[in-house]
C-alpha cells in the first residue's frame, strides 16, 4: 500500500527543471519493492514522475511468461500512454522502494496549457517508447532467441534501457532478467551465455556480463 510523503527539496533533485515543475503539481507517494504500480489492461488516467528508485516495464501472459520492455529510473516518468483515456498497454513493478509524484490527467492538461514547451518533451517521450516497442516486436518476430540475446548484449541503451557499467559491461541483470528481455526461458539463456563464455566471447560474474569481442551472428 502506498502512502503520502512530506515534500522535501532533495526529493526533486534528479529531475530536470521542466520535469520538476510538472512533478510539483502531483501528489507524492511511496511504494515498496515489488509493488505493482500499473496493471496492464486497466483503465488509467495518471502519469507518474519517478523521484526515487527504479521500475520495470513488462507484459505478462496467462502462462506466467513475461516480456520485459525496459527499466525506468529516477528523473524520468511513465504512464503517459494512457493519457488518451485508453487502457494501460503494459504493467509497471518497482525494483526497489520508490517514490513518485502522481498526476491526474487534469494536472497534466493544466501543465501543458501553462508550459507549452513541455508538449514537445511529451511527444518525444511517446515517440521514443513507440520506437522501443516496435524494435522489440521486430526482434521477437524476426530473430531467434540467440539473435535477441545478441541484440540485448550489444545494446548500450535504447530498446532494452539496460544500464552499462563504466567498463562497458552489462550490470545488475540476472539470467532471469535477461530471459524476460529476450522472451525465453532462464535455462536457455543460461546455456547460451555459458557457451559464449566457453568460446571466449564474454566473461560472467554476479549480475555482470562483459563483452570481450564481437559476438558471432549465429550460434
Protein backbone atom coordinates (compact mmCIF):
# COMPACT_ATOMS: atom_id res chain seq x y z
CA UNK A 1 0.00 0.00 0.00
CA UNK A 2 1.29 3.48 -0.76
CA UNK A 3 1.16 6.49 1.49
CA UNK A 4 1.76 10.22 1.32
CA UNK A 5 5.21 11.63 1.99
CA UNK A 6 6.15 15.13 3.02
CA UNK A 7 7.50 17.17 0.16
CA UNK A 8 11.24 17.82 0.52
CA UNK A 9 13.58 19.78 -1.69
CA UNK A 10 16.03 16.91 -2.20
CA UNK A 11 13.22 14.69 -3.43
CA UNK A 12 13.17 16.56 -6.74
CA UNK A 13 16.95 16.67 -7.23
CA UNK A 14 17.05 14.00 -10.05
CA UNK A 15 14.58 15.97 -12.18
CA UNK A 16 15.24 18.40 -14.99
CA UNK A 17 13.79 21.89 -14.40
CA UNK A 18 10.82 21.30 -16.74
CA UNK A 19 10.01 17.93 -15.18
CA UNK A 20 10.37 19.35 -11.69
CA UNK A 21 7.68 21.91 -12.48
CA UNK A 22 5.38 19.11 -13.60
CA UNK A 23 6.12 16.91 -10.58
CA UNK A 24 5.31 19.71 -8.14
CA UNK A 25 1.71 19.57 -9.36
CA UNK A 26 1.33 15.95 -8.23
CA UNK A 27 0.75 14.04 -5.02
CA UNK A 28 3.89 12.37 -3.68
CA UNK A 29 3.50 8.68 -2.88
CA UNK A 30 5.89 5.90 -1.90
CA UNK A 31 5.82 2.25 -2.96
CA UNK A 32 7.69 -0.73 -1.50
CA UNK A 33 9.86 -3.07 -3.56
CA UNK A 34 7.91 -5.40 -5.89
CA UNK A 35 4.77 -3.25 -5.77
CA UNK A 36 2.74 -3.24 -8.99
CA UNK A 37 2.01 0.42 -9.70
CA UNK A 38 0.28 -0.10 -13.04
CA UNK A 39 -1.58 -3.18 -14.26
CA UNK A 40 -1.71 -3.91 -17.98
CA UNK A 41 -5.26 -3.64 -19.29
CA UNK A 42 -6.53 -1.37 -16.53
CA UNK A 43 -8.14 1.95 -17.28
CA UNK A 44 -5.77 4.66 -16.11
CA UNK A 45 -5.51 8.42 -16.31
CA UNK A 46 -2.47 9.05 -14.10
CA UNK A 47 1.09 9.96 -15.01
CA UNK A 48 3.92 9.10 -12.62
CA UNK A 49 7.12 11.10 -12.24
CA UNK A 50 9.76 8.83 -10.68
CA UNK A 51 11.53 10.80 -7.96
CA UNK A 52 13.43 7.93 -6.38
CA UNK A 53 14.12 4.29 -7.27
CA UNK A 54 13.63 2.24 -10.43
CA UNK A 55 10.80 0.27 -12.03
CA UNK A 56 10.39 -2.44 -14.65
CA UNK A 57 8.01 -2.21 -17.61
CA UNK A 58 6.65 -5.61 -18.63
CA UNK A 59 3.78 -7.57 -20.13
CA UNK A 60 2.65 -10.97 -18.89
CA UNK A 61 0.61 -13.83 -20.32
CA UNK A 62 -1.78 -16.37 -18.82
CA UNK A 63 1.00 -19.00 -18.89
CA UNK A 64 3.09 -17.00 -16.44
CA UNK A 65 5.65 -15.98 -19.07
CA UNK A 66 6.51 -12.32 -19.39
CA UNK A 67 8.44 -9.99 -21.66
CA UNK A 68 10.35 -7.02 -20.27
CA UNK A 69 10.22 -3.81 -22.29
CA UNK A 70 12.71 -1.87 -20.20
CA UNK A 71 13.56 -0.18 -16.93
CA UNK A 72 12.84 3.37 -15.87
CA UNK A 73 14.99 5.22 -13.37
CA UNK A 74 14.56 8.28 -11.17
CA UNK A 75 14.40 11.50 -13.14
CA UNK A 76 12.03 10.05 -15.73
CA UNK A 77 8.27 9.49 -15.94
CA UNK A 78 5.81 6.82 -17.07
CA UNK A 79 2.09 6.25 -17.62
CA UNK A 80 1.84 8.84 -20.40
CA UNK A 81 0.45 6.29 -22.90
CA UNK A 82 -2.91 6.24 -21.10
CA UNK A 83 -3.48 9.99 -21.06
CA UNK A 84 -5.79 9.44 -24.03
CA UNK A 85 -8.19 7.61 -21.71
CA UNK A 86 -7.30 4.19 -23.10
CA UNK A 87 -6.22 1.03 -21.31
CA UNK A 88 -2.74 0.56 -19.88
CA UNK A 89 -0.52 -1.10 -22.50
CA UNK A 90 1.97 -2.62 -20.01
CA UNK A 91 2.49 -3.24 -16.31
CA UNK A 92 4.92 -1.41 -14.03
CA UNK A 93 6.53 -3.02 -10.97
CA UNK A 94 9.04 -1.46 -8.58
CA UNK A 95 12.55 -2.95 -8.50
CA UNK A 96 13.30 -1.22 -5.19
CA UNK A 97 11.45 1.15 -2.83
CA UNK A 98 10.25 4.03 -5.00
CA UNK A 99 8.82 7.50 -4.60
CA UNK A 100 6.64 9.06 -7.30
CA UNK A 101 4.75 12.26 -7.93
CA UNK A 102 1.35 11.11 -9.21
CA UNK A 103 -0.53 13.43 -11.54
CA UNK A 104 -4.07 13.19 -12.83
CA UNK A 105 -4.98 13.78 -16.45
CA UNK A 106 -6.33 17.19 -15.39
CA UNK A 107 -2.99 18.03 -13.73
CA UNK A 108 -1.10 17.18 -16.92
CA UNK A 109 -3.53 19.10 -19.15
CA UNK A 110 -3.19 22.17 -16.96
CA UNK A 111 0.60 21.87 -17.07
CA UNK A 112 0.61 21.61 -20.87
CA UNK A 113 -1.53 24.73 -21.14
CA UNK A 114 0.75 26.73 -18.86
CA UNK A 115 4.04 25.19 -20.05
CA UNK A 116 3.56 24.61 -23.81
CA UNK A 117 7.27 23.81 -24.24
CA UNK A 118 6.68 20.57 -22.32
CA UNK A 119 4.40 19.36 -25.12
CA UNK A 120 7.45 18.54 -27.25
CA UNK A 121 9.04 16.69 -24.30
CA UNK A 122 5.93 14.54 -24.00
CA UNK A 123 5.70 13.93 -27.75
CA UNK A 124 9.36 12.86 -27.94
CA UNK A 125 8.88 10.54 -24.96
CA UNK A 126 5.94 8.83 -26.67
CA UNK A 127 7.93 8.52 -29.93
CA UNK A 128 10.97 7.04 -28.19
CA UNK A 129 8.91 4.45 -26.39
CA UNK A 130 6.92 3.63 -29.52
CA UNK A 131 10.23 3.02 -31.34
CA UNK A 132 11.35 0.77 -28.49
CA UNK A 133 8.14 -1.25 -28.66
CA UNK A 134 8.48 -1.55 -32.45
CA UNK A 135 12.08 -2.75 -32.15
CA UNK A 136 11.13 -5.35 -29.55
CA UNK A 137 8.23 -6.59 -31.71
CA UNK A 138 10.55 -6.79 -34.74
CA UNK A 139 13.16 -8.77 -32.83
CA UNK A 140 10.56 -11.14 -31.39
CA UNK A 141 9.11 -11.78 -34.86
CA UNK A 142 12.30 -11.98 -36.95
CA UNK A 143 15.11 -13.15 -34.65
CA UNK A 144 15.61 -16.42 -32.82
CA UNK A 145 16.46 -16.47 -29.12
CA UNK A 146 20.20 -16.21 -29.78
CA UNK A 147 19.68 -13.26 -32.12
CA UNK A 148 17.61 -11.47 -29.49
CA UNK A 149 20.27 -12.20 -26.88
CA UNK A 150 22.97 -10.70 -29.11
CA UNK A 151 20.82 -7.60 -29.69
CA UNK A 152 20.50 -7.16 -25.94
CA UNK A 153 24.14 -7.75 -25.09
CA UNK A 154 25.36 -5.39 -27.81
CA UNK A 155 22.90 -2.61 -26.93
CA UNK A 156 24.36 0.18 -24.81
CA UNK A 157 20.92 1.74 -24.41
CA UNK A 158 17.71 2.07 -26.37
CA UNK A 159 15.18 -0.74 -26.68
CA UNK A 160 16.22 -2.53 -23.51
CA UNK A 161 17.29 0.50 -21.49
CA UNK A 162 19.98 -1.59 -19.81
CA UNK A 163 22.46 0.50 -17.91
CA UNK A 164 26.08 -0.11 -18.78
CA UNK A 165 28.91 -0.21 -16.29
CA UNK A 166 31.82 2.19 -16.72
CA UNK A 167 33.96 -0.62 -18.12
CA UNK A 168 31.39 -1.38 -20.82
CA UNK A 169 29.83 -4.41 -19.14
CA UNK A 170 26.16 -5.06 -18.53
CA UNK A 171 25.44 -4.90 -14.81
CA UNK A 172 22.57 -5.61 -12.42
CA UNK A 173 20.93 -8.14 -14.74
CA UNK A 174 20.31 -11.70 -13.61
CA UNK A 175 19.83 -14.54 -16.09
CA UNK A 176 16.10 -14.33 -15.35
CA UNK A 177 16.15 -10.60 -16.15
CA UNK A 178 17.83 -11.32 -19.48
CA UNK A 179 15.35 -14.12 -20.20
CA UNK A 180 12.48 -11.68 -19.65
CA UNK A 181 14.09 -9.16 -22.00
CA UNK A 182 14.51 -11.67 -24.84
CA UNK A 183 11.32 -13.68 -24.29
CA UNK A 184 12.96 -17.02 -23.48
CA UNK A 185 13.41 -19.38 -20.55
CA UNK A 186 16.11 -18.76 -17.97
CA UNK A 187 17.55 -22.20 -18.70
CA UNK A 188 18.01 -21.44 -22.40
CA UNK A 189 19.61 -18.07 -21.67
CA UNK A 190 21.97 -19.61 -19.11
CA UNK A 191 23.03 -22.29 -21.60
CA UNK A 192 23.73 -19.74 -24.36
CA UNK A 193 25.69 -17.49 -22.02
CA UNK A 194 27.74 -20.40 -20.76
CA UNK A 195 28.57 -21.41 -24.35
CA UNK A 196 29.59 -17.83 -25.19
CA UNK A 197 31.80 -17.73 -22.11
CA UNK A 198 33.47 -21.01 -23.11
CA UNK A 199 34.03 -19.57 -26.56
CA UNK A 200 35.85 -16.57 -25.09
CA UNK A 201 33.25 -14.02 -26.20
CA UNK A 202 32.12 -12.90 -22.73
CA UNK A 203 33.04 -13.16 -19.08
CA UNK A 204 30.41 -13.51 -16.39
CA UNK A 205 30.31 -12.51 -12.74
CA UNK A 206 27.42 -11.96 -10.33
CA UNK A 207 24.89 -9.82 -12.23
CA UNK A 208 27.64 -8.66 -14.60
CA UNK A 209 28.46 -9.69 -18.16
CA UNK A 210 31.45 -8.22 -20.01
CA UNK A 211 31.74 -8.48 -23.80
CA UNK A 212 35.31 -9.36 -24.82
CA UNK A 213 34.83 -9.32 -28.59
CA UNK A 214 32.13 -9.07 -31.23
CA UNK A 215 29.57 -11.82 -30.87
CA UNK A 216 29.02 -14.20 -33.81
CA UNK A 217 25.84 -13.60 -35.79
CA UNK A 218 24.83 -17.25 -35.46
CA UNK A 219 25.42 -19.88 -32.81
